[in-house]
Amino acid sequence: MSDELLRPTIAAAARSTARPWRLLYLGYVAVLGGILPATWLSFVNSRRLGVSPARRLLIVVIGLTGLVAEILVAGWLFGGDDGQALARLTPVRVIAALAYLVQMRLQLPMERAFQLRGGEHATRFGAGHIVLIGVGVMVEVLIVLVAGS
């Protein structure tokens, strides 16, 4: 029989067994794949790092706000069809990169704590490549459809 006084009052938080990815890799996804893949991977990575639920929600809100900004900017820039469609997507990538930087800042304190504890990062993500291609193409088609109408 255990004594009530000897039992710990604060239980150790259950940590995820999955290792987090380096934040720099998420920046590559933001630039190459767009805001939605970067937001999804940032959300998953923040859970792996142990970021608070409020900050994780803020990561999603930033991603959705960035998506709306991408669609508005693409619609504004797609005024005429002069063959410059690819060049007009550059500001969309800049918006994705800026949103990634804000999402990264939300994860940075826990990333530093993870590194100070001597944690090992996960290798490059296989799921990230699938998300990069699948969702990235889907976002580009969505932007072209909304901006073209």
N, C-alpha and C. Protein backbone atom coordinates (compact mmCIF):
# COMPACT_ATOMS: atom_id res chain seq x y z
N MET A 1 0.84 -1.17 0.00
CA MET A 1 0.00 0.00 0.00
C MET A 1 0.90 1.24 0.00
N SER A 2 0.65 2.17 -0.95
CA SER A 2 1.49 3.36 -1.05
C SER A 2 0.94 4.47 -0.17
N ASP A 3 1.84 5.22 0.36
CA ASP A 3 1.48 6.34 1.22
C ASP A 3 1.12 7.55 0.36
N GLU A 4 0.05 8.25 0.69
CA GLU A 4 -0.39 9.41 -0.06
C GLU A 4 0.67 10.51 -0.08
N LEU A 5 1.43 10.65 0.97
CA LEU A 5 2.44 11.71 1.05
C LEU A 5 3.64 11.44 0.16
N LEU A 6 3.87 10.20 -0.16
CA LEU A 6 5.04 9.86 -0.98
C LEU A 6 4.73 9.80 -2.47
N ARG A 7 3.48 9.93 -2.83
CA ARG A 7 3.12 9.89 -4.24
C ARG A 7 3.33 11.28 -4.86
N PRO A 8 3.94 11.36 -6.05
CA PRO A 8 4.14 12.67 -6.69
C PRO A 8 2.80 13.31 -7.04
N THR A 9 2.73 14.62 -6.88
CA THR A 9 1.49 15.33 -7.17
C THR A 9 1.43 15.79 -8.62
N ILE A 10 2.57 15.96 -9.23
CA ILE A 10 2.61 16.40 -10.62
C ILE A 10 3.14 15.24 -11.45
N ALA A 11 2.32 14.74 -12.32
CA ALA A 11 2.73 13.62 -13.17
C ALA A 11 3.57 14.16 -14.32
N ALA A 12 4.51 13.37 -14.76
CA ALA A 12 5.32 13.76 -15.90
C ALA A 12 4.45 13.77 -17.15
N ALA A 13 4.61 14.79 -17.94
CA ALA A 13 3.81 14.90 -19.16
C ALA A 13 4.23 13.82 -20.14
N ALA A 14 3.26 13.21 -20.76
CA ALA A 14 3.55 12.18 -21.76
C ALA A 14 4.08 12.85 -23.01
N ARG A 15 5.31 12.55 -23.36
CA ARG A 15 5.95 13.14 -24.54
C ARG A 15 5.69 12.25 -25.73
N SER A 16 5.61 12.86 -26.86
CA SER A 16 5.42 12.11 -28.09
C SER A 16 6.69 11.33 -28.40
N THR A 17 6.51 10.11 -28.88
CA THR A 17 7.68 9.32 -29.23
C THR A 17 8.26 9.73 -30.57
N ALA A 18 7.48 10.43 -31.37
CA ALA A 18 7.97 10.89 -32.67
C ALA A 18 8.88 12.09 -32.47
N ARG A 19 10.00 12.07 -33.16
CA ARG A 19 10.95 13.18 -33.05
C ARG A 19 10.52 14.33 -33.97
N PRO A 20 10.75 15.57 -33.54
CA PRO A 20 10.37 16.71 -34.39
C PRO A 20 11.35 16.90 -35.53
N TRP A 21 10.90 17.61 -36.55
CA TRP A 21 11.75 17.95 -37.68
C TRP A 21 12.44 19.28 -37.41
N ARG A 22 13.49 19.52 -38.14
CA ARG A 22 14.16 20.82 -38.06
C ARG A 22 13.25 21.88 -38.67
N LEU A 23 13.22 23.04 -38.05
CA LEU A 23 12.33 24.10 -38.53
C LEU A 23 12.73 24.60 -39.91
N LEU A 24 14.00 24.48 -40.26
CA LEU A 24 14.45 24.93 -41.57
C LEU A 24 13.81 24.12 -42.69
N TYR A 25 13.59 22.83 -42.48
CA TYR A 25 12.97 22.00 -43.50
C TYR A 25 11.55 22.47 -43.80
N LEU A 26 10.88 22.97 -42.79
CA LEU A 26 9.52 23.46 -43.00
C LEU A 26 9.52 24.71 -43.87
N GLY A 27 10.60 25.47 -43.83
CA GLY A 27 10.72 26.64 -44.69
C GLY A 27 10.82 26.24 -46.16
N TYR A 28 11.53 25.14 -46.44
CA TYR A 28 11.59 24.64 -47.81
C TYR A 28 10.21 24.25 -48.31
N VAL A 29 9.45 23.61 -47.45
CA VAL A 29 8.10 23.20 -47.82
C VAL A 29 7.24 24.43 -48.10
N ALA A 30 7.39 25.48 -47.30
CA ALA A 30 6.60 26.70 -47.49
C ALA A 30 6.90 27.34 -48.84
N VAL A 31 8.16 27.41 -49.20
CA VAL A 31 8.53 28.07 -50.45
C VAL A 31 8.18 27.21 -51.65
N LEU A 32 8.42 25.91 -51.56
CA LEU A 32 8.19 25.04 -52.72
C LEU A 32 6.76 24.53 -52.83
N GLY A 33 6.10 24.33 -51.69
CA GLY A 33 4.78 23.71 -51.73
C GLY A 33 3.64 24.64 -51.40
N GLY A 34 3.91 25.74 -50.73
CA GLY A 34 2.83 26.66 -50.39
C GLY A 34 2.50 26.66 -48.91
N ILE A 35 1.48 27.42 -48.58
CA ILE A 35 1.14 27.66 -47.19
C ILE A 35 0.45 26.48 -46.53
N LEU A 36 -0.40 25.76 -47.25
CA LEU A 36 -1.13 24.65 -46.61
C LEU A 36 -0.22 23.50 -46.19
N PRO A 37 0.68 23.01 -47.04
CA PRO A 37 1.58 21.95 -46.57
C PRO A 37 2.47 22.41 -45.42
N ALA A 38 2.94 23.64 -45.49
CA ALA A 38 3.80 24.15 -44.42
C ALA A 38 3.03 24.28 -43.11
N THR A 39 1.77 24.69 -43.18
CA THR A 39 0.96 24.82 -41.98
C THR A 39 0.68 23.45 -41.36
N TRP A 40 0.33 22.49 -42.20
CA TRP A 40 0.06 21.15 -41.69
C TRP A 40 1.29 20.56 -41.02
N LEU A 41 2.44 20.67 -41.66
CA LEU A 41 3.66 20.12 -41.07
C LEU A 41 4.09 20.91 -39.84
N SER A 42 3.87 22.22 -39.82
CA SER A 42 4.18 23.02 -38.63
C SER A 42 3.29 22.61 -37.47
N PHE A 43 2.03 22.33 -37.76
CA PHE A 43 1.10 21.91 -36.72
C PHE A 43 1.53 20.57 -36.13
N VAL A 44 1.89 19.62 -36.98
CA VAL A 44 2.35 18.31 -36.52
C VAL A 44 3.66 18.45 -35.74
N ASN A 45 4.56 19.26 -36.26
CA ASN A 45 5.86 19.45 -35.60
C ASN A 45 5.70 20.14 -34.25
N SER A 46 4.76 21.07 -34.15
CA SER A 46 4.56 21.76 -32.88
C SER A 46 4.05 20.79 -31.81
N ARG A 47 3.23 19.83 -32.22
CA ARG A 47 2.78 18.81 -31.27
C ARG A 47 3.96 17.96 -30.81
N ARG A 48 4.85 17.63 -31.73
CA ARG A 48 6.02 16.84 -31.38
C ARG A 48 6.97 17.60 -30.46
N LEU A 49 7.00 18.91 -30.61
CA LEU A 49 7.87 19.72 -29.75
C LEU A 49 7.24 20.00 -28.38
N GLY A 50 5.94 19.82 -28.27
CA GLY A 50 5.25 20.10 -27.02
C GLY A 50 4.80 21.53 -26.88
N VAL A 51 4.52 22.19 -28.00
CA VAL A 51 4.04 23.56 -27.99
C VAL A 51 2.63 23.58 -27.41
N SER A 52 2.29 24.64 -26.71
CA SER A 52 0.98 24.75 -26.05
C SER A 52 -0.15 24.73 -27.09
N PRO A 53 -1.32 24.26 -26.69
CA PRO A 53 -2.46 24.22 -27.62
C PRO A 53 -2.85 25.60 -28.17
N ALA A 54 -2.70 26.64 -27.37
CA ALA A 54 -3.03 27.99 -27.86
C ALA A 54 -2.11 28.39 -29.00
N ARG A 55 -0.84 28.09 -28.87
CA ARG A 55 0.10 28.43 -29.95
C ARG A 55 -0.12 27.54 -31.17
N ARG A 56 -0.51 26.30 -30.96
CA ARG A 56 -0.80 25.42 -32.07
C ARG A 56 -2.01 25.92 -32.85
N LEU A 57 -3.01 26.41 -32.13
CA LEU A 57 -4.18 26.99 -32.79
C LEU A 57 -3.78 28.24 -33.57
N LEU A 58 -2.89 29.03 -33.00
CA LEU A 58 -2.41 30.23 -33.69
C LEU A 58 -1.65 29.87 -34.98
N ILE A 59 -0.94 28.75 -34.97
CA ILE A 59 -0.25 28.29 -36.19
C ILE A 59 -1.26 28.01 -37.29
N VAL A 60 -2.37 27.39 -36.94
CA VAL A 60 -3.42 27.09 -37.92
C VAL A 60 -4.07 28.38 -38.41
N VAL A 61 -4.34 29.31 -37.50
CA VAL A 61 -4.97 30.58 -37.88
C VAL A 61 -4.05 31.36 -38.82
N ILE A 62 -2.76 31.37 -38.54
CA ILE A 62 -1.80 32.05 -39.42
C ILE A 62 -1.79 31.40 -40.80
N GLY A 63 -1.84 30.08 -40.84
CA GLY A 63 -1.87 29.38 -42.12
C GLY A 63 -3.11 29.70 -42.93
N LEU A 64 -4.27 29.71 -42.29
CA LEU A 64 -5.50 30.02 -43.01
C LEU A 64 -5.54 31.48 -43.46
N THR A 65 -5.02 32.36 -42.62
CA THR A 65 -4.93 33.78 -43.01
C THR A 65 -3.99 33.95 -44.20
N GLY A 66 -2.88 33.22 -44.18
CA GLY A 66 -1.95 33.27 -45.31
C GLY A 66 -2.58 32.74 -46.58
N LEU A 67 -3.40 31.70 -46.47
CA LEU A 67 -4.08 31.16 -47.65
C LEU A 67 -5.04 32.18 -48.24
N VAL A 68 -5.79 32.85 -47.39
CA VAL A 68 -6.71 33.88 -47.87
C VAL A 68 -5.92 35.02 -48.53
N ALA A 69 -4.81 35.40 -47.92
CA ALA A 69 -3.98 36.46 -48.52
C ALA A 69 -3.41 36.01 -49.87
N GLU A 70 -3.01 34.74 -49.97
CA GLU A 70 -2.51 34.23 -51.25
C GLU A 70 -3.57 34.32 -52.34
N ILE A 71 -4.79 33.92 -51.99
CA ILE A 71 -5.87 33.94 -52.98
C ILE A 71 -6.20 35.36 -53.40
N LEU A 72 -6.23 36.28 -52.42
CA LEU A 72 -6.53 37.68 -52.75
C LEU A 72 -5.44 38.30 -53.62
N VAL A 73 -4.19 38.05 -53.29
CA VAL A 73 -3.08 38.61 -54.07
C VAL A 73 -3.04 38.00 -55.45
N ALA A 74 -3.26 36.69 -55.55
CA ALA A 74 -3.26 36.05 -56.87
C ALA A 74 -4.41 36.57 -57.72
N GLY A 75 -5.58 36.79 -57.12
CA GLY A 75 -6.71 37.35 -57.86
C GLY A 75 -6.44 38.76 -58.32
N TRP A 76 -5.76 39.52 -57.51
CA TRP A 76 -5.42 40.90 -57.87
C TRP A 76 -4.38 40.93 -58.99
N LEU A 77 -3.42 40.00 -58.96
CA LEU A 77 -2.36 40.00 -59.95
C LEU A 77 -2.75 39.34 -61.27
N PHE A 78 -3.77 38.50 -61.25
CA PHE A 78 -4.18 37.82 -62.47
C PHE A 78 -5.20 38.64 -63.23
N GLY A 79 -4.95 39.92 -63.37
CA GLY A 79 -5.89 40.78 -64.08
C GLY A 79 -6.00 40.47 -65.55
N GLY A 80 -4.90 40.25 -66.21
CA GLY A 80 -4.91 39.96 -67.63
C GLY A 80 -4.11 38.70 -67.90
N ASP A 81 -4.29 38.13 -69.08
CA ASP A 81 -3.58 36.91 -69.43
C ASP A 81 -2.52 37.25 -70.48
N ASP A 82 -1.35 37.61 -70.03
CA ASP A 82 -0.27 37.97 -70.94
C ASP A 82 0.88 36.96 -70.90
N GLY A 83 0.64 35.76 -70.41
CA GLY A 83 1.66 34.72 -70.38
C GLY A 83 2.62 34.83 -69.21
N GLN A 84 2.34 35.67 -68.26
CA GLN A 84 3.22 35.88 -67.11
C GLN A 84 2.67 35.20 -65.85
N ALA A 85 1.94 34.12 -66.01
CA ALA A 85 1.27 33.48 -64.86
C ALA A 85 2.28 32.97 -63.84
N LEU A 86 3.38 32.40 -64.31
CA LEU A 86 4.37 31.86 -63.37
C LEU A 86 5.04 32.97 -62.58
N ALA A 87 5.34 34.07 -63.23
CA ALA A 87 5.97 35.20 -62.53
C ALA A 87 5.02 35.81 -61.51
N ARG A 88 3.74 35.71 -61.76
CA ARG A 88 2.77 36.28 -60.82
C ARG A 88 2.61 35.43 -59.57
N LEU A 89 3.07 34.18 -59.60
CA LEU A 89 2.98 33.33 -58.42
C LEU A 89 4.09 33.61 -57.42
N THR A 90 5.08 34.40 -57.79
CA THR A 90 6.17 34.72 -56.87
C THR A 90 5.67 35.42 -55.60
N PRO A 91 4.79 36.42 -55.69
CA PRO A 91 4.29 37.02 -54.44
C PRO A 91 3.54 36.02 -53.56
N VAL A 92 2.93 35.03 -54.17
CA VAL A 92 2.23 34.01 -53.40
C VAL A 92 3.23 33.22 -52.57
N ARG A 93 4.37 32.91 -53.14
CA ARG A 93 5.42 32.20 -52.41
C ARG A 93 6.02 33.08 -51.31
N VAL A 94 6.08 34.36 -51.55
CA VAL A 94 6.58 35.28 -50.52
C VAL A 94 5.63 35.29 -49.33
N ILE A 95 4.34 35.28 -49.60
CA ILE A 95 3.35 35.23 -48.51
C ILE A 95 3.51 33.94 -47.72
N ALA A 96 3.72 32.82 -48.41
CA ALA A 96 3.91 31.54 -47.73
C ALA A 96 5.17 31.58 -46.87
N ALA A 97 6.23 32.18 -47.38
CA ALA A 97 7.48 32.28 -46.60
C ALA A 97 7.30 33.16 -45.37
N LEU A 98 6.57 34.26 -45.51
CA LEU A 98 6.33 35.14 -44.37
C LEU A 98 5.48 34.45 -43.30
N ALA A 99 4.47 33.72 -43.74
CA ALA A 99 3.64 32.98 -42.78
C ALA A 99 4.47 31.91 -42.08
N TYR A 100 5.36 31.25 -42.81
CA TYR A 100 6.25 30.25 -42.21
C TYR A 100 7.12 30.90 -41.13
N LEU A 101 7.64 32.09 -41.41
CA LEU A 101 8.51 32.75 -40.43
C LEU A 101 7.77 33.02 -39.12
N VAL A 102 6.50 33.42 -39.22
CA VAL A 102 5.72 33.66 -38.01
C VAL A 102 5.44 32.34 -37.30
N GLN A 103 5.11 31.30 -38.06
CA GLN A 103 4.87 29.99 -37.46
C GLN A 103 6.14 29.45 -36.81
N MET A 104 7.28 29.70 -37.43
CA MET A 104 8.55 29.25 -36.86
C MET A 104 8.83 29.95 -35.53
N ARG A 105 8.53 31.24 -35.46
CA ARG A 105 8.76 31.99 -34.21
C ARG A 105 7.93 31.43 -33.07
N LEU A 106 6.75 30.90 -33.37
CA LEU A 106 5.91 30.32 -32.33
C LEU A 106 6.49 29.01 -31.80
N GLN A 107 7.24 28.31 -32.63
CA GLN A 107 7.81 27.02 -32.24
C GLN A 107 9.23 27.13 -31.72
N LEU A 108 9.87 28.26 -31.94
CA LEU A 108 11.29 28.41 -31.65
C LEU A 108 11.67 28.19 -30.19
N PRO A 109 10.93 28.68 -29.20
CA PRO A 109 11.34 28.42 -27.82
C PRO A 109 11.38 26.92 -27.48
N MET A 110 10.39 26.18 -27.94
CA MET A 110 10.38 24.74 -27.67
C MET A 110 11.44 24.01 -28.48
N GLU A 111 11.73 24.53 -29.67
CA GLU A 111 12.80 23.95 -30.49
C GLU A 111 14.15 24.12 -29.79
N ARG A 112 14.37 25.29 -29.23
CA ARG A 112 15.63 25.52 -28.49
C ARG A 112 15.71 24.64 -27.25
N ALA A 113 14.60 24.49 -26.55
CA ALA A 113 14.59 23.62 -25.37
C ALA A 113 14.85 22.17 -25.79
N PHE A 114 14.31 21.76 -26.90
CA PHE A 114 14.55 20.40 -27.40
C PHE A 114 16.03 20.20 -27.72
N GLN A 115 16.65 21.20 -28.33
CA GLN A 115 18.07 21.10 -28.67
C GLN A 115 18.94 21.11 -27.42
N LEU A 116 18.57 21.94 -26.43
CA LEU A 116 19.35 22.00 -25.19
C LEU A 116 19.27 20.70 -24.40
N ARG A 117 18.17 19.99 -24.52
CA ARG A 117 18.05 18.70 -23.86
C ARG A 117 18.82 17.61 -24.58
N GLY A 118 19.41 17.95 -25.71
CA GLY A 118 20.17 16.97 -26.48
C GLY A 118 19.31 16.09 -27.36
N GLY A 119 18.15 16.57 -27.72
CA GLY A 119 17.25 15.77 -28.55
C GLY A 119 17.76 15.63 -29.97
N GLU A 120 17.44 14.51 -30.56
CA GLU A 120 17.81 14.24 -31.96
C GLU A 120 16.61 14.54 -32.85
N HIS A 121 16.83 15.31 -33.89
CA HIS A 121 15.76 15.61 -34.83
C HIS A 121 15.50 14.40 -35.72
N ALA A 122 14.30 14.32 -36.23
CA ALA A 122 13.95 13.28 -37.19
C ALA A 122 14.61 13.60 -38.52
N THR A 123 14.82 12.58 -39.30
CA THR A 123 15.39 12.80 -40.62
C THR A 123 14.34 13.45 -41.50
N ARG A 124 14.73 13.77 -42.68
CA ARG A 124 13.77 14.42 -43.59
C ARG A 124 12.53 13.57 -43.70
N PHE A 125 11.42 14.21 -43.88
CA PHE A 125 10.14 13.54 -43.76
C PHE A 125 9.64 13.02 -45.09
N GLY A 126 9.25 11.75 -45.10
CA GLY A 126 8.64 11.15 -46.27
C GLY A 126 7.24 11.68 -46.50
N ALA A 127 6.50 11.85 -45.41
CA ALA A 127 5.14 12.38 -45.53
C ALA A 127 5.16 13.81 -46.04
N GLY A 128 6.21 14.53 -45.71
CA GLY A 128 6.32 15.92 -46.16
C GLY A 128 6.41 16.03 -47.66
N HIS A 129 7.10 15.08 -48.28
CA HIS A 129 7.21 15.11 -49.74
C HIS A 129 5.85 14.84 -50.39
N ILE A 130 5.10 13.93 -49.80
CA ILE A 130 3.76 13.63 -50.34
C ILE A 130 2.86 14.85 -50.18
N VAL A 131 2.92 15.47 -49.00
CA VAL A 131 2.10 16.66 -48.76
C VAL A 131 2.56 17.80 -49.67
N LEU A 132 3.87 17.94 -49.82
CA LEU A 132 4.43 19.00 -50.66
C LEU A 132 3.89 18.90 -52.08
N ILE A 133 3.88 17.70 -52.62
CA ILE A 133 3.43 17.53 -54.00
C ILE A 133 1.91 17.58 -54.09
N GLY A 134 1.23 16.78 -53.27
CA GLY A 134 -0.23 16.68 -53.37
C GLY A 134 -0.95 17.96 -53.02
N VAL A 135 -0.72 18.47 -51.84
CA VAL A 135 -1.43 19.67 -51.40
C VAL A 135 -0.90 20.90 -52.13
N GLY A 136 0.39 20.91 -52.44
CA GLY A 136 0.96 22.04 -53.17
C GLY A 136 0.32 22.23 -54.53
N VAL A 137 0.15 21.13 -55.25
CA VAL A 137 -0.50 21.20 -56.56
C VAL A 137 -1.96 21.62 -56.40
N MET A 138 -2.61 21.08 -55.37
CA MET A 138 -4.01 21.43 -55.13
C MET A 138 -4.17 22.93 -54.83
N VAL A 139 -3.25 23.49 -54.07
CA VAL A 139 -3.31 24.93 -53.75
C VAL A 139 -3.09 25.76 -55.01
N GLU A 140 -2.13 25.35 -55.85
CA GLU A 140 -1.88 26.10 -57.08
C GLU A 140 -3.11 26.09 -57.99
N VAL A 141 -3.76 24.93 -58.11
CA VAL A 141 -4.96 24.85 -58.94
C VAL A 141 -6.07 25.73 -58.35
N LEU A 142 -6.22 25.71 -57.03
CA LEU A 142 -7.22 26.53 -56.37
C LEU A 142 -6.95 28.01 -56.62
N ILE A 143 -5.71 28.43 -56.52
CA ILE A 143 -5.37 29.84 -56.72
C ILE A 143 -5.64 30.25 -58.17
N VAL A 144 -5.26 29.39 -59.11
CA VAL A 144 -5.49 29.71 -60.51
C VAL A 144 -6.98 29.77 -60.82
N LEU A 145 -7.77 28.84 -60.26
CA LEU A 145 -9.21 28.84 -60.51
C LEU A 145 -9.89 30.07 -59.91
N VAL A 146 -9.54 30.41 -58.67
CA VAL A 146 -10.18 31.55 -58.02
C VAL A 146 -9.72 32.85 -58.67
N ALA A 147 -8.43 32.94 -58.98
CA ALA A 147 -7.90 34.18 -59.54
C ALA A 147 -8.35 34.37 -60.98
N GLY A 148 -8.57 33.26 -61.69
CA GLY A 148 -8.97 33.36 -63.08
C GLY A 148 -10.42 33.71 -63.28
N SER A 149 -11.23 33.53 -62.24
CA SER A 149 -12.66 33.80 -62.40
C SER A 149 -13.03 35.22 -62.07
